mmCIF file of all heavy atoms, coordinates in Angstrom:
data_MODEL
# 
_entry.id   MODEL 
# 
loop_
_atom_site.group_PDB 
_atom_site.id 
_atom_site.type_symbol 
_atom_site.label_atom_id 
_atom_site.label_alt_id 
_atom_site.label_comp_id 
_atom_site.label_asym_id 
_atom_site.label_entity_id 
_atom_site.label_seq_id 
_atom_site.pdbx_PDB_ins_code 
_atom_site.Cartn_x 
_atom_site.Cartn_y 
_atom_site.Cartn_z 
_atom_site.occupancy 
_atom_site.B_iso_or_equiv 
_atom_site.pdbx_formal_charge 
_atom_site.auth_seq_id 
_atom_site.auth_comp_id 
_atom_site.auth_asym_id 
_atom_site.auth_atom_id 
_atom_site.pdbx_PDB_model_num 
ATOM 1   N N   . PRO A 1 1  ? 107.961 82.137  101.647 1.00 0.00 ? 1  PRO A N   1 
ATOM 2   C CA  . PRO A 1 1  ? 108.971 83.215  101.611 1.00 0.00 ? 1  PRO A CA  1 
ATOM 3   C C   . PRO A 1 1  ? 109.182 83.796  100.220 1.00 0.00 ? 1  PRO A C   1 
ATOM 4   O O   . PRO A 1 1  ? 109.296 85.017  100.075 1.00 0.00 ? 1  PRO A O   1 
ATOM 5   C CB  . PRO A 1 1  ? 110.239 82.514  102.117 1.00 0.00 ? 1  PRO A CB  1 
ATOM 6   C CG  . PRO A 1 1  ? 109.743 81.405  102.971 1.00 0.00 ? 1  PRO A CG  1 
ATOM 7   C CD  . PRO A 1 1  ? 108.462 80.925  102.328 1.00 0.00 ? 1  PRO A CD  1 
ATOM 8   N N   . GLU A 1 2  ? 109.240 82.926  99.177  1.00 0.00 ? 2  GLU A N   1 
ATOM 9   C CA  . GLU A 1 2  ? 109.502 83.451  97.839  1.00 0.00 ? 2  GLU A CA  1 
ATOM 10  C C   . GLU A 1 2  ? 108.355 84.330  97.350  1.00 0.00 ? 2  GLU A C   1 
ATOM 11  O O   . GLU A 1 2  ? 108.562 85.292  96.603  1.00 0.00 ? 2  GLU A O   1 
ATOM 12  C CB  . GLU A 1 2  ? 109.764 82.319  96.839  1.00 0.00 ? 2  GLU A CB  1 
ATOM 13  C CG  . GLU A 1 2  ? 108.661 81.305  96.686  1.00 0.00 ? 2  GLU A CG  1 
ATOM 14  C CD  . GLU A 1 2  ? 108.830 80.103  97.614  1.00 0.00 ? 2  GLU A CD  1 
ATOM 15  O OE1 . GLU A 1 2  ? 109.431 80.279  98.698  1.00 0.00 ? 2  GLU A OE1 1 
ATOM 16  O OE2 . GLU A 1 2  ? 108.360 79.010  97.254  1.00 0.00 ? 2  GLU A OE2 1 
ATOM 17  N N   . VAL A 1 3  ? 107.117 84.013  97.772  1.00 0.00 ? 3  VAL A N   1 
ATOM 18  C CA  . VAL A 1 3  ? 105.968 84.834  97.388  1.00 0.00 ? 3  VAL A CA  1 
ATOM 19  C C   . VAL A 1 3  ? 105.998 86.163  98.141  1.00 0.00 ? 3  VAL A C   1 
ATOM 20  O O   . VAL A 1 3  ? 105.802 87.242  97.552  1.00 0.00 ? 3  VAL A O   1 
ATOM 21  C CB  . VAL A 1 3  ? 104.646 84.089  97.657  1.00 0.00 ? 3  VAL A CB  1 
ATOM 22  C CG1 . VAL A 1 3  ? 103.449 84.997  97.372  1.00 0.00 ? 3  VAL A CG1 1 
ATOM 23  C CG2 . VAL A 1 3  ? 104.569 82.822  96.827  1.00 0.00 ? 3  VAL A CG2 1 
ATOM 24  N N   . ALA A 1 4  ? 106.234 86.099  99.438  1.00 0.00 ? 4  ALA A N   1 
ATOM 25  C CA  . ALA A 1 4  ? 106.290 87.321  100.250 1.00 0.00 ? 4  ALA A CA  1 
ATOM 26  C C   . ALA A 1 4  ? 107.387 88.256  99.745  1.00 0.00 ? 4  ALA A C   1 
ATOM 27  O O   . ALA A 1 4  ? 107.181 89.479  99.633  1.00 0.00 ? 4  ALA A O   1 
ATOM 28  C CB  . ALA A 1 4  ? 106.518 86.957  101.716 1.00 0.00 ? 4  ALA A CB  1 
ATOM 29  N N   . ASN A 1 5  ? 108.557 87.705  99.441  1.00 0.00 ? 5  ASN A N   1 
ATOM 30  C CA  . ASN A 1 5  ? 109.662 88.534  98.956  1.00 0.00 ? 5  ASN A CA  1 
ATOM 31  C C   . ASN A 1 5  ? 109.321 89.163  97.604  1.00 0.00 ? 5  ASN A C   1 
ATOM 32  O O   . ASN A 1 5  ? 109.652 90.323  97.327  1.00 0.00 ? 5  ASN A O   1 
ATOM 33  C CB  . ASN A 1 5  ? 110.929 87.696  98.818  1.00 0.00 ? 5  ASN A CB  1 
ATOM 34  C CG  . ASN A 1 5  ? 111.472 87.244  100.159 1.00 0.00 ? 5  ASN A CG  1 
ATOM 35  O OD1 . ASN A 1 5  ? 111.210 87.885  101.186 1.00 0.00 ? 5  ASN A OD1 1 
ATOM 36  N ND2 . ASN A 1 5  ? 112.217 86.141  100.164 1.00 0.00 ? 5  ASN A ND2 1 
ATOM 37  N N   . SER A 1 6  ? 108.659 88.393  96.736  1.00 0.00 ? 6  SER A N   1 
ATOM 38  C CA  . SER A 1 6  ? 108.290 88.908  95.429  1.00 0.00 ? 6  SER A CA  1 
ATOM 39  C C   . SER A 1 6  ? 107.260 90.039  95.545  1.00 0.00 ? 6  SER A C   1 
ATOM 40  O O   . SER A 1 6  ? 107.354 91.068  94.863  1.00 0.00 ? 6  SER A O   1 
ATOM 41  C CB  . SER A 1 6  ? 107.735 87.779  94.554  1.00 0.00 ? 6  SER A CB  1 
ATOM 42  O OG  . SER A 1 6  ? 107.324 88.272  93.298  1.00 0.00 ? 6  SER A OG  1 
ATOM 43  N N   . TRP A 1 7  ? 106.253 89.873  96.420  1.00 0.00 ? 7  TRP A N   1 
ATOM 44  C CA  . TRP A 1 7  ? 105.253 90.934  96.620  1.00 0.00 ? 7  TRP A CA  1 
ATOM 45  C C   . TRP A 1 7  ? 105.932 92.223  97.079  1.00 0.00 ? 7  TRP A C   1 
ATOM 46  O O   . TRP A 1 7  ? 105.581 93.310  96.617  1.00 0.00 ? 7  TRP A O   1 
ATOM 47  C CB  . TRP A 1 7  ? 104.224 90.495  97.658  1.00 0.00 ? 7  TRP A CB  1 
ATOM 48  C CG  . TRP A 1 7  ? 103.197 89.534  97.115  1.00 0.00 ? 7  TRP A CG  1 
ATOM 49  C CD1 . TRP A 1 7  ? 103.185 88.943  95.902  1.00 0.00 ? 7  TRP A CD1 1 
ATOM 50  C CD2 . TRP A 1 7  ? 102.035 89.066  97.814  1.00 0.00 ? 7  TRP A CD2 1 
ATOM 51  N NE1 . TRP A 1 7  ? 102.103 88.120  95.762  1.00 0.00 ? 7  TRP A NE1 1 
ATOM 52  C CE2 . TRP A 1 7  ? 101.358 88.172  96.928  1.00 0.00 ? 7  TRP A CE2 1 
ATOM 53  C CE3 . TRP A 1 7  ? 101.487 89.276  99.086  1.00 0.00 ? 7  TRP A CE3 1 
ATOM 54  C CZ2 . TRP A 1 7  ? 100.177 87.525  97.286  1.00 0.00 ? 7  TRP A CZ2 1 
ATOM 55  C CZ3 . TRP A 1 7  ? 100.307 88.631  99.428  1.00 0.00 ? 7  TRP A CZ3 1 
ATOM 56  C CH2 . TRP A 1 7  ? 99.651  87.763  98.545  1.00 0.00 ? 7  TRP A CH2 1 
ATOM 57  N N   . GLN A 1 8  ? 106.893 92.071  97.964  1.00 0.00 ? 8  GLN A N   1 
ATOM 58  C CA  . GLN A 1 8  ? 107.588 93.260  98.474  1.00 0.00 ? 8  GLN A CA  1 
ATOM 59  C C   . GLN A 1 8  ? 108.359 93.954  97.354  1.00 0.00 ? 8  GLN A C   1 
ATOM 60  O O   . GLN A 1 8  ? 108.377 95.182  97.262  1.00 0.00 ? 8  GLN A O   1 
ATOM 61  C CB  . GLN A 1 8  ? 108.537 92.852  99.610  1.00 0.00 ? 8  GLN A CB  1 
ATOM 62  C CG  . GLN A 1 8  ? 109.088 94.042  100.394 1.00 0.00 ? 8  GLN A CG  1 
ATOM 63  C CD  . GLN A 1 8  ? 108.003 94.833  101.101 1.00 0.00 ? 8  GLN A CD  1 
ATOM 64  O OE1 . GLN A 1 8  ? 107.226 94.303  101.902 1.00 0.00 ? 8  GLN A OE1 1 
ATOM 65  N NE2 . GLN A 1 8  ? 107.903 96.136  100.800 1.00 0.00 ? 8  GLN A NE2 1 
ATOM 66  N N   . ARG A 1 9  ? 108.969 93.156  96.451  1.00 0.00 ? 9  ARG A N   1 
ATOM 67  C CA  . ARG A 1 9  ? 109.687 93.752  95.326  1.00 0.00 ? 9  ARG A CA  1 
ATOM 68  C C   . ARG A 1 9  ? 108.712 94.487  94.404  1.00 0.00 ? 9  ARG A C   1 
ATOM 69  O O   . ARG A 1 9  ? 109.020 95.564  93.881  1.00 0.00 ? 9  ARG A O   1 
ATOM 70  C CB  . ARG A 1 9  ? 110.430 92.663  94.538  1.00 0.00 ? 9  ARG A CB  1 
ATOM 71  C CG  . ARG A 1 9  ? 111.639 92.108  95.251  1.00 0.00 ? 9  ARG A CG  1 
ATOM 72  C CD  . ARG A 1 9  ? 112.525 91.264  94.308  1.00 0.00 ? 9  ARG A CD  1 
ATOM 73  N NE  . ARG A 1 9  ? 111.830 90.085  93.774  1.00 0.00 ? 9  ARG A NE  1 
ATOM 74  C CZ  . ARG A 1 9  ? 111.843 88.886  94.347  1.00 0.00 ? 9  ARG A CZ  1 
ATOM 75  N NH1 . ARG A 1 9  ? 112.484 88.719  95.514  1.00 0.00 ? 9  ARG A NH1 1 
ATOM 76  N NH2 . ARG A 1 9  ? 111.207 87.862  93.796  1.00 0.00 ? 9  ARG A NH2 1 
ATOM 77  N N   . CYS A 1 10 ? 107.548 93.875  94.187  1.00 0.00 ? 10 CYS A N   1 
ATOM 78  C CA  . CYS A 1 10 ? 106.545 94.501  93.320  1.00 0.00 ? 10 CYS A CA  1 
ATOM 79  C C   . CYS A 1 10 ? 106.078 95.841  93.911  1.00 0.00 ? 10 CYS A C   1 
ATOM 80  O O   . CYS A 1 10 ? 105.899 96.831  93.172  1.00 0.00 ? 10 CYS A O   1 
ATOM 81  C CB  . CYS A 1 10 ? 105.341 93.579  93.141  1.00 0.00 ? 10 CYS A CB  1 
ATOM 82  S SG  . CYS A 1 10 ? 105.730 92.064  92.245  1.00 0.00 ? 10 CYS A SG  1 
ATOM 83  N N   . ARG A 1 11 ? 105.874 95.896  95.207  1.00 0.00 ? 11 ARG A N   1 
ATOM 84  C CA  . ARG A 1 11 ? 105.455 97.142  95.857  1.00 0.00 ? 11 ARG A CA  1 
ATOM 85  C C   . ARG A 1 11 ? 106.549 98.194  95.675  1.00 0.00 ? 11 ARG A C   1 
ATOM 86  O O   . ARG A 1 11 ? 106.263 99.363  95.384  1.00 0.00 ? 11 ARG A O   1 
ATOM 87  C CB  . ARG A 1 11 ? 105.157 96.872  97.340  1.00 0.00 ? 11 ARG A CB  1 
ATOM 88  C CG  . ARG A 1 11 ? 104.890 98.115  98.193  1.00 0.00 ? 11 ARG A CG  1 
ATOM 89  C CD  . ARG A 1 11 ? 103.692 98.923  97.683  1.00 0.00 ? 11 ARG A CD  1 
ATOM 90  N NE  . ARG A 1 11 ? 102.465 98.148  97.645  1.00 0.00 ? 11 ARG A NE  1 
ATOM 91  C CZ  . ARG A 1 11 ? 101.637 97.993  98.685  1.00 0.00 ? 11 ARG A CZ  1 
ATOM 92  N NH1 . ARG A 1 11 ? 101.917 98.574  99.830  1.00 0.00 ? 11 ARG A NH1 1 
ATOM 93  N NH2 . ARG A 1 11 ? 100.538 97.277  98.548  1.00 0.00 ? 11 ARG A NH2 1 
ATOM 94  N N   . ASN A 1 12 ? 107.813 97.799  95.830  1.00 0.00 ? 12 ASN A N   1 
ATOM 95  C CA  . ASN A 1 12 ? 108.932 98.740  95.688  1.00 0.00 ? 12 ASN A CA  1 
ATOM 96  C C   . ASN A 1 12 ? 109.041 99.262  94.257  1.00 0.00 ? 12 ASN A C   1 
ATOM 97  O O   . ASN A 1 12 ? 109.534 100.370 94.021  1.00 0.00 ? 12 ASN A O   1 
ATOM 98  C CB  . ASN A 1 12 ? 110.244 98.078  96.090  1.00 0.00 ? 12 ASN A CB  1 
ATOM 99  C CG  . ASN A 1 12 ? 110.285 97.726  97.569  1.00 0.00 ? 12 ASN A CG  1 
ATOM 100 O OD1 . ASN A 1 12 ? 109.541 98.318  98.386  1.00 0.00 ? 12 ASN A OD1 1 
ATOM 101 N ND2 . ASN A 1 12 ? 111.140 96.778  97.939  1.00 0.00 ? 12 ASN A ND2 1 
ATOM 102 N N   . LEU A 1 13 ? 108.574 98.451  93.276  1.00 0.00 ? 13 LEU A N   1 
ATOM 103 C CA  . LEU A 1 13 ? 108.632 98.858  91.872  1.00 0.00 ? 13 LEU A CA  1 
ATOM 104 C C   . LEU A 1 13 ? 107.378 99.621  91.448  1.00 0.00 ? 13 LEU A C   1 
ATOM 105 O O   . LEU A 1 13 ? 107.254 100.004 90.271  1.00 0.00 ? 13 LEU A O   1 
ATOM 106 C CB  . LEU A 1 13 ? 108.797 97.607  90.978  1.00 0.00 ? 13 LEU A CB  1 
ATOM 107 C CG  . LEU A 1 13 ? 110.156 96.897  91.067  1.00 0.00 ? 13 LEU A CG  1 
ATOM 108 C CD1 . LEU A 1 13 ? 110.090 95.548  90.357  1.00 0.00 ? 13 LEU A CD1 1 
ATOM 109 C CD2 . LEU A 1 13 ? 111.243 97.756  90.445  1.00 0.00 ? 13 LEU A CD2 1 
ATOM 110 N N   . ASN A 1 14 ? 106.447 99.825  92.378  1.00 0.00 ? 14 ASN A N   1 
ATOM 111 C CA  . ASN A 1 14 ? 105.202 100.556 92.106  1.00 0.00 ? 14 ASN A CA  1 
ATOM 112 C C   . ASN A 1 14 ? 104.385 99.904  90.991  1.00 0.00 ? 14 ASN A C   1 
ATOM 113 O O   . ASN A 1 14 ? 103.807 100.580 90.131  1.00 0.00 ? 14 ASN A O   1 
ATOM 114 C CB  . ASN A 1 14 ? 105.499 102.019 91.746  1.00 0.00 ? 14 ASN A CB  1 
ATOM 115 C CG  . ASN A 1 14 ? 106.081 102.789 92.920  1.00 0.00 ? 14 ASN A CG  1 
ATOM 116 O OD1 . ASN A 1 14 ? 105.634 102.619 94.062  1.00 0.00 ? 14 ASN A OD1 1 
ATOM 117 N ND2 . ASN A 1 14 ? 107.073 103.614 92.630  1.00 0.00 ? 14 ASN A ND2 1 
ATOM 118 N N   . ILE A 1 15 ? 104.354 98.572  90.970  1.00 0.00 ? 15 ILE A N   1 
ATOM 119 C CA  . ILE A 1 15 ? 103.545 97.863  89.980  1.00 0.00 ? 15 ILE A CA  1 
ATOM 120 C C   . ILE A 1 15 ? 102.082 97.933  90.394  1.00 0.00 ? 15 ILE A C   1 
ATOM 121 O O   . ILE A 1 15 ? 101.726 97.660  91.542  1.00 0.00 ? 15 ILE A O   1 
ATOM 122 C CB  . ILE A 1 15 ? 104.009 96.391  89.866  1.00 0.00 ? 15 ILE A CB  1 
ATOM 123 C CG1 . ILE A 1 15 ? 105.448 96.330  89.325  1.00 0.00 ? 15 ILE A CG1 1 
ATOM 124 C CG2 . ILE A 1 15 ? 103.073 95.590  88.971  1.00 0.00 ? 15 ILE A CG2 1 
ATOM 125 C CD1 . ILE A 1 15 ? 106.029 94.941  89.280  1.00 0.00 ? 15 ILE A CD1 1 
ATOM 126 N N   . ASN A 1 16 ? 101.223 98.305  89.430  1.00 0.00 ? 16 ASN A N   1 
ATOM 127 C CA  . ASN A 1 16 ? 99.787  98.403  89.705  1.00 0.00 ? 16 ASN A CA  1 
ATOM 128 C C   . ASN A 1 16 ? 99.189  96.998  89.711  1.00 0.00 ? 16 ASN A C   1 
ATOM 129 O O   . ASN A 1 16 ? 99.199  96.303  88.701  1.00 0.00 ? 16 ASN A O   1 
ATOM 130 C CB  . ASN A 1 16 ? 99.105  99.249  88.631  1.00 0.00 ? 16 ASN A CB  1 
ATOM 131 C CG  . ASN A 1 16 ? 97.679  99.586  88.991  1.00 0.00 ? 16 ASN A CG  1 
ATOM 132 O OD1 . ASN A 1 16 ? 96.964  98.803  89.620  1.00 0.00 ? 16 ASN A OD1 1 
ATOM 133 N ND2 . ASN A 1 16 ? 97.234  100.764 88.568  1.00 0.00 ? 16 ASN A ND2 1 
ATOM 134 N N   . PRO A 1 17 ? 98.650  96.529  90.849  1.00 0.00 ? 17 PRO A N   1 
ATOM 135 C CA  . PRO A 1 17 ? 98.139  95.152  90.938  1.00 0.00 ? 17 PRO A CA  1 
ATOM 136 C C   . PRO A 1 17 ? 96.814  94.927  90.228  1.00 0.00 ? 17 PRO A C   1 
ATOM 137 O O   . PRO A 1 17 ? 96.367  93.787  90.102  1.00 0.00 ? 17 PRO A O   1 
ATOM 138 C CB  . PRO A 1 17 ? 97.982  94.942  92.442  1.00 0.00 ? 17 PRO A CB  1 
ATOM 139 C CG  . PRO A 1 17 ? 97.741  96.298  92.992  1.00 0.00 ? 17 PRO A CG  1 
ATOM 140 C CD  . PRO A 1 17 ? 98.539  97.240  92.134  1.00 0.00 ? 17 PRO A CD  1 
ATOM 141 N N   . TYR A 1 18 ? 96.207  96.008  89.719  1.00 0.00 ? 18 TYR A N   1 
ATOM 142 C CA  . TYR A 1 18 ? 94.889  95.855  89.110  1.00 0.00 ? 18 TYR A CA  1 
ATOM 143 C C   . TYR A 1 18 ? 94.918  95.932  87.584  1.00 0.00 ? 18 TYR A C   1 
ATOM 144 O O   . TYR A 1 18 ? 93.947  95.563  86.933  1.00 0.00 ? 18 TYR A O   1 
ATOM 145 C CB  . TYR A 1 18 ? 93.948  96.937  89.653  1.00 0.00 ? 18 TYR A CB  1 
ATOM 146 C CG  . TYR A 1 18 ? 93.725  96.840  91.138  1.00 0.00 ? 18 TYR A CG  1 
ATOM 147 C CD1 . TYR A 1 18 ? 94.378  97.711  92.009  1.00 0.00 ? 18 TYR A CD1 1 
ATOM 148 C CD2 . TYR A 1 18 ? 92.867  95.882  91.676  1.00 0.00 ? 18 TYR A CD2 1 
ATOM 149 C CE1 . TYR A 1 18 ? 94.186  97.628  93.386  1.00 0.00 ? 18 TYR A CE1 1 
ATOM 150 C CE2 . TYR A 1 18 ? 92.664  95.794  93.048  1.00 0.00 ? 18 TYR A CE2 1 
ATOM 151 C CZ  . TYR A 1 18 ? 93.330  96.659  93.890  1.00 0.00 ? 18 TYR A CZ  1 
ATOM 152 O OH  . TYR A 1 18 ? 93.129  96.570  95.239  1.00 0.00 ? 18 TYR A OH  1 
ATOM 153 N N   . LEU A 1 19 ? 96.018  96.378  87.018  1.00 0.00 ? 19 LEU A N   1 
ATOM 154 C CA  . LEU A 1 19 ? 96.069  96.597  85.582  1.00 0.00 ? 19 LEU A CA  1 
ATOM 155 C C   . LEU A 1 19 ? 96.888  95.517  84.873  1.00 0.00 ? 19 LEU A C   1 
ATOM 156 O O   . LEU A 1 19 ? 97.771  94.865  85.466  1.00 0.00 ? 19 LEU A O   1 
ATOM 157 C CB  . LEU A 1 19 ? 96.669  97.978  85.277  1.00 0.00 ? 19 LEU A CB  1 
ATOM 158 C CG  . LEU A 1 19 ? 95.877  99.185  85.762  1.00 0.00 ? 19 LEU A CG  1 
ATOM 159 C CD1 . LEU A 1 19 ? 96.600  100.469 85.392  1.00 0.00 ? 19 LEU A CD1 1 
ATOM 160 C CD2 . LEU A 1 19 ? 94.473  99.174  85.149  1.00 0.00 ? 19 LEU A CD2 1 
ATOM 161 N N   . GLU A 1 20 ? 96.621  95.343  83.577  1.00 0.00 ? 20 GLU A N   1 
ATOM 162 C CA  . GLU A 1 20 ? 97.389  94.425  82.724  1.00 0.00 ? 20 GLU A CA  1 
ATOM 163 C C   . GLU A 1 20 ? 98.161  95.284  81.716  1.00 0.00 ? 20 GLU A C   1 
ATOM 164 O O   . GLU A 1 20 ? 97.598  95.729  80.704  1.00 0.00 ? 20 GLU A O   1 
ATOM 165 C CB  . GLU A 1 20 ? 96.459  93.465  81.983  1.00 0.00 ? 20 GLU A CB  1 
ATOM 166 C CG  . GLU A 1 20 ? 97.182  92.521  81.030  1.00 0.00 ? 20 GLU A CG  1 
ATOM 167 C CD  . GLU A 1 20 ? 98.141  91.597  81.752  1.00 0.00 ? 20 GLU A CD  1 
ATOM 168 O OE1 . GLU A 1 20 ? 97.774  91.081  82.838  1.00 0.00 ? 20 GLU A OE1 1 
ATOM 169 O OE2 . GLU A 1 20 ? 99.269  91.400  81.259  1.00 0.00 ? 20 GLU A OE2 1 
ATOM 170 N N   . PRO A 1 21 ? 99.435  95.567  81.954  1.00 0.00 ? 21 PRO A N   1 
ATOM 171 C CA  . PRO A 1 21 ? 100.191 96.456  81.055  1.00 0.00 ? 21 PRO A CA  1 
ATOM 172 C C   . PRO A 1 21 ? 100.464 95.782  79.700  1.00 0.00 ? 21 PRO A C   1 
ATOM 173 O O   . PRO A 1 21 ? 100.525 94.560  79.584  1.00 0.00 ? 21 PRO A O   1 
ATOM 174 C CB  . PRO A 1 21 ? 101.494 96.709  81.816  1.00 0.00 ? 21 PRO A CB  1 
ATOM 175 C CG  . PRO A 1 21 ? 101.658 95.498  82.683  1.00 0.00 ? 21 PRO A CG  1 
ATOM 176 C CD  . PRO A 1 21 ? 100.263 95.074  83.073  1.00 0.00 ? 21 PRO A CD  1 
ATOM 177 N N   . GLU A 1 22 ? 100.649 96.593  78.660  1.00 0.00 ? 22 GLU A N   1 
ATOM 178 C CA  . GLU A 1 22 ? 100.990 96.095  77.322  1.00 0.00 ? 22 GLU A CA  1 
ATOM 179 C C   . GLU A 1 22 ? 102.508 95.856  77.286  1.00 0.00 ? 22 GLU A C   1 
ATOM 180 O O   . GLU A 1 22 ? 103.297 96.794  77.204  1.00 0.00 ? 22 GLU A O   1 
ATOM 181 C CB  . GLU A 1 22 ? 100.580 97.122  76.260  1.00 0.00 ? 22 GLU A CB  1 
ATOM 182 C CG  . GLU A 1 22 ? 100.925 96.706  74.835  1.00 0.00 ? 22 GLU A CG  1 
ATOM 183 C CD  . GLU A 1 22 ? 100.183 95.445  74.409  1.00 0.00 ? 22 GLU A CD  1 
ATOM 184 O OE1 . GLU A 1 22 ? 98.982  95.307  74.736  1.00 0.00 ? 22 GLU A OE1 1 
ATOM 185 O OE2 . GLU A 1 22 ? 100.818 94.584  73.763  1.00 0.00 ? 22 GLU A OE2 1 
ATOM 186 N N   . THR A 1 23 ? 102.883 94.600  77.374  1.00 0.00 ? 23 THR A N   1 
ATOM 187 C CA  . THR A 1 23 ? 104.321 94.276  77.491  1.00 0.00 ? 23 THR A CA  1 
ATOM 188 C C   . THR A 1 23 ? 104.790 93.343  76.381  1.00 0.00 ? 23 THR A C   1 
ATOM 189 O O   . THR A 1 23 ? 105.775 92.641  76.526  1.00 0.00 ? 23 THR A O   1 
ATOM 190 C CB  . THR A 1 23 ? 104.600 93.593  78.850  1.00 0.00 ? 23 THR A CB  1 
ATOM 191 O OG1 . THR A 1 23 ? 103.794 92.411  78.943  1.00 0.00 ? 23 THR A OG1 1 
ATOM 192 C CG2 . THR A 1 23 ? 104.294 94.533  79.996  1.00 0.00 ? 23 THR A CG2 1 
ATOM 193 N N   . ARG A 1 24 ? 104.113 93.350  75.272  1.00 0.00 ? 24 ARG A N   1 
ATOM 194 C CA  . ARG A 1 24 ? 104.453 92.432  74.184  1.00 0.00 ? 24 ARG A CA  1 
ATOM 195 C C   . ARG A 1 24 ? 105.346 93.129  73.156  1.00 0.00 ? 24 ARG A C   1 
ATOM 196 O O   . ARG A 1 24 ? 105.077 94.275  72.776  1.00 0.00 ? 24 ARG A O   1 
ATOM 197 C CB  . ARG A 1 24 ? 103.171 91.945  73.513  1.00 0.00 ? 24 ARG A CB  1 
ATOM 198 C CG  . ARG A 1 24 ? 103.386 90.875  72.460  1.00 0.00 ? 24 ARG A CG  1 
ATOM 199 C CD  . ARG A 1 24 ? 102.034 90.416  71.934  1.00 0.00 ? 24 ARG A CD  1 
ATOM 200 N NE  . ARG A 1 24 ? 102.186 89.402  70.907  1.00 0.00 ? 24 ARG A NE  1 
ATOM 201 C CZ  . ARG A 1 24 ? 101.165 88.852  70.249  1.00 0.00 ? 24 ARG A CZ  1 
ATOM 202 N NH1 . ARG A 1 24 ? 99.915  89.238  70.549  1.00 0.00 ? 24 ARG A NH1 1 
ATOM 203 N NH2 . ARG A 1 24 ? 101.369 87.945  69.333  1.00 0.00 ? 24 ARG A NH2 1 
ATOM 204 N N   . VAL A 1 25 ? 106.414 92.435  72.719  1.00 0.00 ? 25 VAL A N   1 
ATOM 205 C CA  . VAL A 1 25 ? 107.326 93.003  71.724  1.00 0.00 ? 25 VAL A CA  1 
ATOM 206 C C   . VAL A 1 25 ? 106.755 92.765  70.330  1.00 0.00 ? 25 VAL A C   1 
ATOM 207 O O   . VAL A 1 25 ? 105.902 91.893  70.122  1.00 0.00 ? 25 VAL A O   1 
ATOM 208 C CB  . VAL A 1 25 ? 108.738 92.379  71.827  1.00 0.00 ? 25 VAL A CB  1 
ATOM 209 C CG1 . VAL A 1 25 ? 109.342 92.668  73.187  1.00 0.00 ? 25 VAL A CG1 1 
ATOM 210 C CG2 . VAL A 1 25 ? 108.690 90.879  71.563  1.00 0.00 ? 25 VAL A CG2 1 
# 
């Protein structure tokens, strides 16, 4: 359930599943 719920949140946030974004401060 926690994985399924997280995937759904990621889809709602339009996160690209193929890319590695630059998120380092």
